[in-house]
Amino acid sequence: MKALTVRSLLTFTALTSLAATQLNAQAREEIVPTQGARDAGVFTLYFENDYFGGQDQHYTNGVKFSWLSGDLSDWGQTGWRQTIIDRLPFVNKPGTQKNFGFAFGQNIYTPQNISLVPPDATDRPYAGWSYLELSFISKTASVMDTLSIQLGMVGRASQADEVQRAVHEWLNDETPLGWDYQLQNELGLNIVYERKWRLFARAFDNAIGFDLIPHAGFSLGNVSTYGNAGFTTRLGFNLPSDFGASLIRGGSLPNSPVDDKDPRVAGLKGGSSWSVFAFGGVDGRAVARDIFLDGNTFRDSPSVDKEYLVGDAFYGLGISKGRWQLTYTEVVRTKEFKAQQRKSYFGSVALSRTF
């Protein structure tokens, strides 16, 4: 899977774009019920690891547990809480479906050689990030806005060192020896916004579906400050009516159904309850701040010279059956710091259940 190239990604995009042109010519506008989808909440477990890419370095592991509520058009709040939520930007458009999201996650970063003590000063520092994330979502069938607040700890308080040592011992793998040189404890705060557009979203004979999902957003905080943009395109049978698979990052939440044609909802009403689809896409980031490379904000710590432009290319497969959905994504990430010897490869698994 490491053989992913820009040419193959462009070929995939060209084929799906051609399919979109053909499908759009035959598609007809129709009114689709949404009540079942609006009532649906989603729980998702994300797991990312460089083991899937045949490595054990840099961004080495990520785990995220997330929950997304059903529709809360009035946000379900009163008094001062309602006042605060009503003043949030981006997510209070009239007439949109609104959802709360809550997540807990942990990311682990290590240098290429985990047996060196002290670690190579020109390589990525040891670091961990454990956080809570509260998200506010406003969406229609074609546009989704997500505003997320992440609060957590970088450093020893993240418990990333304990987790990696325990996992390596359980797997009888090489013990990472340089965690005593990790970043110092620091309270982390990020505010993340992202908009997604779902374009085309057409089907042929109510079976083969295609969509194109561009996205753009930003993150502001002492952990991550960047602007990003990219797209995902999907092609498959009984394509879910959502905004596509996501990697572990700020604002990444389970994608709940948009309408009742989604197989996770349609199956409850006697319709098709399964879906199989392929997807691919890119995400580019202009990075102003990355604590895992720049080091602690107010204390001396290991650091390296980061790259200011970083990109991901990804592709994968997804399957839905009943209320369950499983996706696997293979990711190639460009170099994130000047002395990095090669690109990073990792895999991402997301298992979700609609309820």
Protein backbone atom coordinates (compact mmCIF):
# COMPACT_ATOMS: atom_id res chain seq x y z
CA MET A 1 0.00 0.00 0.00
CA LYS A 2 3.01 2.28 0.26
CA ALA A 3 2.96 2.55 -3.54
CA LEU A 4 0.27 5.22 -3.41
CA THR A 5 1.26 7.99 -5.82
CA VAL A 6 -0.17 11.29 -6.89
CA ARG A 7 -0.85 9.73 -10.30
CA SER A 8 -2.99 6.95 -8.83
CA LEU A 9 -4.93 9.42 -6.68
CA LEU A 10 -5.56 11.70 -9.68
CA THR A 11 -6.68 8.69 -11.72
CA PHE A 12 -9.14 7.69 -8.99
CA THR A 13 -10.46 11.26 -8.83
CA ALA A 14 -10.80 11.47 -12.61
CA LEU A 15 -12.77 8.22 -12.76
CA THR A 16 -15.13 9.25 -9.98
CA SER A 17 -15.59 12.70 -11.54
CA LEU A 18 -16.53 11.03 -14.83
CA ALA A 19 -18.99 8.85 -12.96
CA ALA A 20 -20.44 11.97 -11.33
CA THR A 21 -21.05 13.58 -14.71
CA GLN A 22 -22.93 10.53 -15.91
CA LEU A 23 -24.91 10.11 -12.72
CA ASN A 24 -25.89 13.77 -12.53
CA ALA A 25 -27.35 13.56 -16.02
CA GLN A 26 -29.76 10.86 -14.85
CA ALA A 27 -30.49 12.06 -11.33
CA ARG A 28 -33.82 13.63 -10.42
CA GLU A 29 -34.59 15.89 -7.50
CA GLU A 30 -36.76 14.26 -4.88
CA ILE A 31 -37.92 14.94 -1.37
CA VAL A 32 -36.18 12.51 1.00
CA PRO A 33 -37.45 11.99 4.57
CA THR A 34 -35.00 12.88 7.32
CA GLN A 35 -36.69 12.18 10.66
CA GLY A 36 -34.99 8.84 11.28
CA ALA A 37 -31.60 10.31 10.45
CA ARG A 38 -32.16 13.37 12.63
CA ASP A 39 -32.94 11.17 15.63
CA ALA A 40 -29.82 9.03 15.17
CA GLY A 41 -26.79 9.37 17.42
CA VAL A 42 -23.45 7.74 16.64
CA PHE A 43 -20.66 6.26 18.75
CA THR A 44 -17.26 5.73 17.08
CA LEU A 45 -13.94 4.18 18.05
CA TYR A 46 -10.93 5.38 16.03
CA PHE A 47 -7.58 3.60 16.05
CA GLU A 48 -4.52 4.79 14.10
CA ASN A 49 -1.07 3.21 14.09
CA ASP A 50 2.06 3.29 11.95
CA TYR A 51 2.24 -0.51 12.24
CA PHE A 52 -0.20 -0.61 9.32
CA GLY A 53 2.44 1.26 7.30
CA GLY A 54 5.31 -0.97 8.36
CA GLN A 55 6.89 1.65 10.64
CA ASP A 56 7.30 2.45 14.32
CA GLN A 57 8.18 6.14 14.40
CA HIS A 58 6.93 9.75 14.42
CA TYR A 59 3.11 9.70 14.70
CA THR A 60 3.05 6.19 16.07
CA ASN A 61 -0.41 5.77 17.61
CA GLY A 62 -3.74 7.51 18.02
CA VAL A 63 -6.96 6.48 19.79
CA LYS A 64 -10.21 8.39 19.97
CA PHE A 65 -13.62 7.53 21.45
CA SER A 66 -16.38 9.85 20.28
CA TRP A 67 -20.13 10.28 20.65
CA LEU A 68 -22.46 12.40 18.55
CA SER A 69 -25.99 13.22 19.68
CA GLY A 70 -29.15 13.13 17.63
CA ASP A 71 -30.72 16.38 16.46
CA LEU A 72 -30.88 19.12 19.09
CA SER A 73 -32.17 21.99 17.00
CA ASP A 74 -32.66 24.16 20.09
CA TRP A 75 -29.41 22.76 21.61
CA GLY A 76 -31.50 21.45 24.52
CA GLN A 77 -30.31 24.24 26.81
CA THR A 78 -31.88 27.12 28.77
CA GLY A 79 -30.70 30.21 30.59
CA TRP A 80 -27.04 31.22 30.50
CA ARG A 81 -26.03 27.98 28.75
CA GLN A 82 -28.41 28.74 25.88
CA THR A 83 -27.02 32.29 25.70
CA ILE A 84 -23.42 31.06 25.37
CA ILE A 85 -24.26 28.45 22.73
CA ASP A 86 -26.37 30.91 20.72
CA ARG A 87 -23.35 33.21 20.47
CA LEU A 88 -21.05 30.56 18.99
CA PRO A 89 -19.94 31.44 15.44
CA PHE A 90 -20.54 29.23 12.37
CA VAL A 91 -22.94 26.75 13.99
CA ASN A 92 -26.15 28.68 14.59
CA LYS A 93 -27.66 28.97 11.14
CA PRO A 94 -31.49 28.88 11.24
CA GLY A 95 -33.16 25.74 9.98
CA THR A 96 -30.14 23.46 10.27
CA GLN A 97 -29.82 20.21 12.19
CA LYS A 98 -27.67 20.69 15.28
CA ASN A 99 -25.67 18.11 17.25
CA PHE A 100 -23.42 17.94 20.28
CA GLY A 101 -20.28 15.83 20.09
CA PHE A 102 -18.02 14.63 22.87
CA ALA A 103 -14.73 12.75 22.57
CA PHE A 104 -11.67 11.56 24.46
CA GLY A 105 -8.42 10.92 22.62
CA GLN A 106 -4.70 10.29 22.93
CA ASN A 107 -1.90 10.72 20.36
CA ILE A 108 1.65 9.35 20.77
CA TYR A 109 4.77 10.63 18.96
CA THR A 110 8.29 9.13 19.01
CA PRO A 111 11.57 9.50 17.09
CA GLN A 112 12.69 7.00 14.47
CA ASN A 113 15.14 5.22 16.78
CA ILE A 114 13.45 4.45 20.09
CA SER A 115 16.50 2.65 21.54
CA LEU A 116 18.79 5.72 21.70
CA VAL A 117 19.39 7.32 25.11
CA PRO A 118 19.46 10.26 24.93
CA PRO A 119 17.37 10.46 21.75
CA ASP A 120 18.71 11.97 18.53
CA ALA A 121 18.41 15.74 18.95
CA THR A 122 17.64 16.19 15.24
CA ASP A 123 14.71 13.77 15.32
CA ARG A 124 11.12 14.25 16.46
CA PRO A 125 10.86 14.49 20.27
CA TYR A 126 8.94 12.01 22.41
CA ALA A 127 5.52 13.50 23.14
CA GLY A 128 2.00 12.57 24.13
CA TRP A 129 -1.31 14.44 23.97
CA SER A 130 -4.40 13.32 25.90
CA TYR A 131 -7.49 15.48 25.59
CA LEU A 132 -11.22 15.96 25.87
CA GLU A 133 -13.12 17.46 22.95
CA LEU A 134 -16.49 19.20 22.89
CA SER A 135 -18.02 19.86 19.47
CA PHE A 136 -20.97 21.80 18.11
CA ILE A 137 -22.27 20.79 14.69
CA SER A 138 -24.72 22.49 12.33
CA LYS A 139 -25.60 20.76 9.06
CA THR A 140 -27.93 20.39 6.12
CA ALA A 141 -27.88 17.70 3.44
CA SER A 142 -25.07 19.54 1.63
CA VAL A 143 -23.10 21.58 4.20
CA MET A 144 -21.71 20.74 7.66
CA ASP A 145 -20.01 23.16 10.06
CA THR A 146 -18.08 21.82 13.05
CA LEU A 147 -16.71 23.94 15.90
CA SER A 148 -14.64 22.01 18.45
CA ILE A 149 -12.85 22.87 21.68
CA GLN A 150 -10.02 20.55 22.75
CA LEU A 151 -8.60 20.69 26.28
CA GLY A 152 -5.91 18.34 27.53
CA MET A 153 -2.35 17.72 28.61
CA VAL A 154 0.93 17.37 26.75
CA GLY A 155 3.85 15.69 28.49
CA ARG A 156 4.14 13.09 31.20
CA ALA A 157 0.63 13.92 32.44
CA SER A 158 -0.76 12.58 29.15
CA GLN A 159 0.32 9.05 30.23
CA ALA A 160 1.48 8.37 26.67
CA ASP A 161 4.78 6.91 27.90
CA GLU A 162 3.02 4.42 30.16
CA VAL A 163 0.62 3.39 27.40
CA GLN A 164 3.35 2.79 24.81
CA ARG A 165 5.59 0.86 27.20
CA ALA A 166 2.67 -1.35 28.27
CA VAL A 167 1.60 -2.05 24.68
CA HIS A 168 5.15 -2.86 23.56
CA GLU A 169 5.60 -5.20 26.52
CA TRP A 170 2.28 -6.90 25.75
CA LEU A 171 3.33 -7.35 22.11
CA ASN A 172 6.85 -8.45 23.12
CA ASP A 173 8.13 -5.56 20.98
CA GLU A 174 11.16 -3.29 21.38
CA THR A 175 10.97 -1.16 24.54
CA PRO A 176 11.05 2.61 23.90
CA LEU A 177 13.89 3.95 26.06
CA GLY A 178 13.80 7.71 25.59
CA TRP A 179 10.59 8.77 27.30
CA ASP A 180 12.53 10.50 30.09
CA TYR A 181 13.34 13.14 27.45
CA GLN A 182 9.76 13.83 26.40
CA LEU A 183 8.14 17.27 26.27
CA GLN A 184 7.34 18.90 29.60
CA ASN A 185 3.82 18.99 31.05
CA GLU A 186 1.70 21.70 29.46
CA LEU A 187 -2.02 22.40 29.47
CA GLY A 188 -3.21 22.40 25.87
CA LEU A 189 -6.13 24.27 24.33
CA ASN A 190 -7.23 24.20 20.68
CA ILE A 191 -10.22 25.78 18.97
CA VAL A 192 -10.92 24.00 15.69
CA TYR A 193 -13.37 24.89 12.92
CA GLU A 194 -14.07 23.00 9.72
CA ARG A 195 -16.69 23.22 6.97
CA LYS A 196 -17.53 20.34 4.64
CA TRP A 197 -19.58 20.48 1.46
CA ARG A 198 -21.23 17.34 0.05
CA LEU A 199 -21.48 17.80 -3.71
CA PHE A 200 -23.19 15.65 -6.35
CA ALA A 201 -24.43 13.00 -3.88
CA ARG A 202 -26.14 11.16 -6.70
CA ALA A 203 -27.11 7.53 -7.27
CA PHE A 204 -27.82 5.45 -10.35
CA ASP A 205 -30.70 2.97 -10.06
CA ASN A 206 -30.68 3.65 -6.32
CA ALA A 207 -27.52 1.55 -6.00
CA ILE A 208 -24.24 3.00 -7.26
CA GLY A 209 -23.54 6.33 -5.60
CA PHE A 210 -20.91 9.05 -5.93
CA ASP A 211 -20.10 12.19 -4.00
CA LEU A 212 -17.36 14.78 -3.67
CA ILE A 213 -16.73 16.29 -0.21
CA PRO A 214 -14.40 19.32 -0.12
CA HIS A 215 -13.41 20.71 3.27
CA ALA A 216 -11.63 23.75 4.70
CA GLY A 217 -10.89 24.91 8.22
CA PHE A 218 -8.39 26.03 10.83
CA SER A 219 -7.08 25.32 14.32
CA LEU A 220 -5.96 27.94 16.84
CA GLY A 221 -4.13 27.00 20.03
CA ASN A 222 -0.85 26.37 21.80
CA VAL A 223 -0.89 22.73 20.64
CA SER A 224 -1.81 23.17 16.97
CA THR A 225 -2.28 26.27 14.85
CA TYR A 226 -2.87 25.73 11.14
CA GLY A 227 -5.16 26.29 8.19
CA ASN A 228 -6.23 23.30 6.13
CA ALA A 229 -8.16 22.38 3.00
CA GLY A 230 -8.75 19.28 0.92
CA PHE A 231 -11.39 16.87 -0.34
CA THR A 232 -12.69 13.32 -0.18
CA THR A 233 -14.44 11.52 -3.02
CA ARG A 234 -16.44 8.30 -2.65
CA LEU A 235 -17.90 5.70 -4.97
CA GLY A 236 -19.90 2.67 -3.92
CA PHE A 237 -23.14 0.75 -3.47
CA ASN A 238 -25.83 2.28 -1.26
CA LEU A 239 -23.47 5.10 -0.35
CA PRO A 240 -24.07 6.44 3.20
CA SER A 241 -25.68 9.88 3.24
CA ASP A 242 -23.07 11.50 5.46
CA PHE A 243 -19.90 13.59 5.09
CA GLY A 244 -17.36 10.79 4.72
CA ALA A 245 -14.71 9.09 6.82
CA SER A 246 -12.37 11.21 8.98
CA LEU A 247 -8.91 10.75 10.45
CA ILE A 248 -8.11 11.56 14.08
CA ARG A 249 -7.78 15.33 14.19
CA GLY A 250 -9.54 18.28 15.77
CA GLY A 251 -13.19 18.30 14.76
CA SER A 252 -13.20 14.72 13.45
CA LEU A 253 -16.42 13.17 14.65
CA PRO A 254 -18.62 10.27 13.63
CA ASN A 255 -20.67 11.16 10.59
CA SER A 256 -24.30 10.60 11.39
CA PRO A 257 -26.84 10.01 8.59
CA VAL A 258 -28.24 13.08 6.83
CA ASP A 259 -31.41 11.46 5.48
CA ASP A 260 -33.40 8.25 5.75
CA LYS A 261 -31.88 6.76 2.58
CA ASP A 262 -28.72 6.05 4.57
CA PRO A 263 -28.49 2.25 4.97
CA ARG A 264 -28.03 2.65 8.73
CA VAL A 265 -31.55 4.15 8.84
CA ALA A 266 -33.18 2.58 5.78
CA GLY A 267 -32.55 -0.92 7.15
CA LEU A 268 -34.78 -0.15 10.13
CA LYS A 269 -37.64 0.67 7.75
CA GLY A 270 -37.40 -2.32 5.45
CA GLY A 271 -34.90 -0.82 2.99
CA SER A 272 -31.35 -1.86 2.17
CA SER A 273 -29.21 -2.09 5.31
CA TRP A 274 -25.79 -2.54 3.73
CA SER A 275 -23.23 -0.41 1.89
CA VAL A 276 -19.80 -0.96 0.36
CA PHE A 277 -17.71 1.95 -0.89
CA ALA A 278 -14.21 3.12 -1.78
CA PHE A 279 -12.84 6.57 -1.11
CA GLY A 280 -9.74 8.69 -1.56
CA GLY A 281 -8.64 12.25 -1.00
CA VAL A 282 -6.07 14.77 0.17
CA ASP A 283 -5.64 17.27 2.99
CA GLY A 284 -3.09 20.09 3.02
CA ARG A 285 -2.08 22.18 6.03
CA ALA A 286 -0.20 25.45 6.44
CA VAL A 287 1.29 25.01 9.92
CA ALA A 288 2.15 27.93 12.18
CA ARG A 289 2.42 26.00 15.45
CA ASP A 290 2.96 22.31 16.27
CA ILE A 291 3.95 21.75 19.87
CA PHE A 292 5.12 18.21 19.07
CA LEU A 293 7.81 19.69 16.82
CA ASP A 294 8.25 23.25 18.16
CA GLY A 295 8.46 22.10 21.78
CA ASN A 296 6.84 23.53 24.88
CA THR A 297 5.45 27.05 24.73
CA PHE A 298 6.90 28.50 27.93
CA ARG A 299 9.59 25.97 28.98
CA ASP A 300 12.77 24.60 27.49
CA SER A 301 12.22 21.27 25.77
CA PRO A 302 13.43 19.22 22.78
CA SER A 303 12.38 20.65 19.41
CA VAL A 304 13.13 20.41 15.68
CA ASP A 305 12.70 22.70 12.69
CA LYS A 306 9.25 21.97 11.28
CA GLU A 307 7.99 22.08 7.72
CA TYR A 308 5.38 24.79 7.26
CA LEU A 309 3.45 22.94 4.55
CA VAL A 310 2.32 19.37 5.25
CA GLY A 311 0.02 17.16 3.21
CA ASP A 312 -1.83 13.86 3.52
CA ALA A 313 -2.95 11.61 0.69
CA PHE A 314 -5.32 8.83 1.69
CA TYR A 315 -7.52 6.08 0.32
CA GLY A 316 -9.60 3.34 1.83
CA LEU A 317 -12.65 1.10 1.94
CA GLY A 318 -15.83 1.19 3.99
CA ILE A 319 -18.68 -1.19 4.72
CA SER A 320 -21.98 -0.70 6.53
CA LYS A 321 -24.32 -3.41 7.74
CA GLY A 322 -27.33 -2.57 9.84
CA ARG A 323 -26.36 0.05 12.41
CA TRP A 324 -22.63 -0.70 12.14
CA GLN A 325 -20.06 0.93 9.87
CA LEU A 326 -16.38 0.04 9.48
CA THR A 327 -13.80 1.99 7.47
CA TYR A 328 -10.08 1.48 6.90
CA THR A 329 -7.88 4.28 5.59
CA GLU A 330 -4.27 4.12 4.42
CA VAL A 331 -2.45 7.45 4.79
CA VAL A 332 0.77 8.88 3.35
CA ARG A 333 1.99 12.05 5.10
CA THR A 334 4.70 14.33 3.75
CA LYS A 335 7.72 15.23 5.86
CA GLU A 336 6.78 17.27 8.92
CA PHE A 337 10.25 18.51 9.92
CA LYS A 338 13.47 19.38 8.09
CA ALA A 339 15.60 16.43 9.23
CA GLN A 340 12.90 13.81 8.64
CA GLN A 341 14.31 11.15 6.34
CA ARG A 342 11.15 9.96 4.62
CA LYS A 343 7.40 10.30 4.45
CA SER A 344 5.19 8.77 7.12
CA TYR A 345 2.76 5.92 6.53
CA PHE A 346 -0.01 4.86 8.89
CA GLY A 347 -3.42 3.22 8.86
CA SER A 348 -6.67 4.37 10.40
CA VAL A 349 -9.59 2.17 11.49
CA ALA A 350 -12.98 3.58 12.50
CA LEU A 351 -15.79 1.44 13.86
CA SER A 352 -19.10 3.17 14.53
CA ARG A 353 -22.61 2.26 15.62
CA THR A 354 -25.72 4.31 15.01
CA PHE A 355 -28.36 4.17 17.73
